[in-house]
Amino acid sequence: MLRILIVEDDYLIAEMVRDALSDGGFEPEVVGSGQEALHLLDDGGTYCALVTDINLRGDYTGWQVAQRARELSTDLPVIYMTGAAADEWASRGVPNSVLLNKPFAPAQVVTAVSQLLNHTTPPND
């Protein structure tokens, strides 16, 4: 099963993304903060993609989570979600990532993950 880490502090959006990815055949794991995401990544969590909000509550942003994820796995697909930080994507986003502006349709996140995965090799579980 293709595990996807979702980092989103808005419960309704997190559930929408989780349900969409689950319906799309993925195994989503949702956390509500950048700190939780970094803990999972640093503890060796293996994911085939990262879907993260940019503006998270707490000490870490989605930019920082994606940067750390890419340090651990250089070709990990990253999908950013934002309602306010899209103009920073070109300068702060990791290469070969996708940005979804909120609000977006559930199918858009599945499409974005699938397109990025078609250009990378999933990790071995």
Protein backbone atom coordinates (compact mmCIF):
# COMPACT_ATOMS: atom_id res chain seq x y z
CA MET A 1 0.00 0.00 0.00
CA LEU A 2 1.25 3.47 -0.83
CA ARG A 3 1.45 5.47 2.43
CA ILE A 4 1.01 9.24 2.26
CA LEU A 5 1.77 11.65 5.08
CA ILE A 6 -0.79 14.45 5.37
CA VAL A 7 0.08 17.47 7.53
CA GLU A 8 -2.95 19.69 8.11
CA ASP A 9 -4.12 21.48 11.26
CA ASP A 10 -7.67 22.12 10.01
CA TYR A 11 -9.67 19.00 10.90
CA LEU A 12 -12.24 19.32 8.10
CA ILE A 13 -9.62 19.77 5.40
CA ALA A 14 -7.51 16.96 6.83
CA GLU A 15 -10.50 14.60 6.76
CA MET A 16 -11.43 15.62 3.20
CA VAL A 17 -7.88 14.98 1.97
CA ARG A 18 -7.64 11.71 3.94
CA ASP A 19 -10.93 10.44 2.52
CA ALA A 20 -10.03 11.45 -1.04
CA LEU A 21 -6.65 9.72 -0.90
CA SER A 22 -8.10 6.65 0.76
CA ASP A 23 -10.77 6.44 -1.96
CA GLY A 24 -7.95 6.85 -4.50
CA GLY A 25 -6.27 3.69 -3.25
CA PHE A 26 -3.67 5.25 -0.95
CA GLU A 27 -3.01 4.72 2.76
CA PRO A 28 -3.11 8.21 4.29
CA GLU A 29 -1.69 9.08 7.70
CA VAL A 30 -2.81 12.44 9.10
CA VAL A 31 -0.96 14.58 11.63
CA GLY A 32 -1.96 18.03 12.82
CA SER A 33 1.39 19.78 13.18
CA GLY A 34 4.76 20.14 11.56
CA GLN A 35 6.40 18.88 14.74
CA GLU A 36 4.43 15.61 14.58
CA ALA A 37 5.33 15.21 10.90
CA LEU A 38 9.02 15.80 11.54
CA HIS A 39 8.95 13.27 14.37
CA LEU A 40 7.48 10.60 12.05
CA LEU A 41 9.91 11.41 9.24
CA ASP A 42 12.95 11.47 11.52
CA ASP A 43 11.90 8.16 13.11
CA GLY A 44 12.15 6.48 9.71
CA GLY A 45 8.53 6.66 8.59
CA THR A 46 8.35 5.55 4.96
CA TYR A 47 5.95 7.46 2.74
CA CYS A 48 5.47 7.64 -1.00
CA ALA A 49 4.35 11.31 -0.83
CA LEU A 50 3.89 14.29 1.47
CA VAL A 51 0.78 16.49 1.39
CA THR A 52 1.22 19.49 3.67
CA ASP A 53 -0.49 22.72 4.51
CA ILE A 54 1.98 25.61 4.47
CA ASN A 55 0.73 27.69 7.39
CA LEU A 56 0.60 25.29 10.33
CA ARG A 57 0.04 26.02 13.99
CA GLY A 58 3.14 25.55 16.08
CA ASP A 59 6.84 25.98 15.45
CA TYR A 60 7.16 24.50 11.96
CA THR A 61 5.73 25.47 8.59
CA GLY A 62 4.91 23.22 5.67
CA TRP A 63 7.97 24.68 3.93
CA GLN A 64 10.18 23.32 6.74
CA VAL A 65 8.45 19.94 6.81
CA ALA A 66 8.90 19.50 3.05
CA GLN A 67 12.54 20.59 3.23
CA ARG A 68 13.28 18.00 5.93
CA ALA A 69 11.34 15.30 4.07
CA ARG A 70 13.45 15.99 0.97
CA GLU A 71 16.66 15.79 3.02
CA LEU A 72 15.61 12.28 3.99
CA SER A 73 14.22 11.25 0.58
CA THR A 74 15.40 13.41 -2.33
CA ASP A 75 12.66 12.40 -4.76
CA LEU A 76 9.68 12.34 -2.36
CA PRO A 77 6.65 13.93 -4.08
CA VAL A 78 5.43 17.03 -2.22
CA ILE A 79 2.02 18.64 -2.56
CA TYR A 80 1.56 21.95 -0.76
CA MET A 81 -1.89 23.21 0.24
CA THR A 82 -2.48 26.86 1.02
CA GLY A 83 -5.03 29.59 1.16
CA ALA A 84 -2.56 32.43 1.59
CA ALA A 85 1.07 31.57 0.78
CA ALA A 86 0.95 30.68 -2.92
CA ASP A 87 3.11 33.65 -3.89
CA GLU A 88 6.01 32.19 -1.85
CA TRP A 89 6.00 28.79 -3.60
CA ALA A 90 8.56 29.69 -6.27
CA SER A 91 11.11 30.82 -3.69
CA ARG A 92 10.38 28.51 -0.73
CA GLY A 93 8.93 25.33 -2.22
CA VAL A 94 11.04 22.28 -2.96
CA PRO A 95 11.70 21.42 -6.63
CA ASN A 96 9.23 19.16 -8.44
CA SER A 97 6.36 19.95 -6.10
CA VAL A 98 2.74 20.92 -6.72
CA LEU A 99 0.76 23.69 -5.05
CA LEU A 100 -3.01 23.45 -4.52
CA ASN A 101 -4.81 26.66 -3.63
CA LYS A 102 -7.61 26.26 -1.08
CA PRO A 103 -10.39 25.59 -1.64
CA PHE A 104 -9.79 22.70 -4.01
CA ALA A 105 -11.81 19.67 -5.03
CA PRO A 106 -10.89 16.36 -3.37
CA ALA A 107 -10.08 14.84 -6.76
CA GLN A 108 -7.40 17.50 -7.31
CA VAL A 109 -5.23 16.18 -4.47
CA VAL A 110 -5.51 12.60 -5.76
CA THR A 111 -4.58 13.77 -9.26
CA ALA A 112 -1.61 15.78 -7.96
CA VAL A 113 -0.25 12.83 -5.95
CA SER A 114 -0.75 10.42 -8.84
CA GLN A 115 0.98 12.71 -11.33
CA LEU A 116 4.01 13.20 -9.08
CA LEU A 117 4.21 9.49 -8.30
CA ASN A 118 4.29 8.71 -12.01
CA HIS A 119 7.61 10.58 -12.14
CA THR A 120 9.25 8.86 -9.14
CA THR A 121 9.85 5.38 -7.81
CA PRO A 122 7.87 4.55 -4.65
CA PRO A 123 9.91 3.45 -1.62
CA ASN A 124 10.03 -0.22 -0.67
CA ASP A 125 7.88 -1.07 2.35
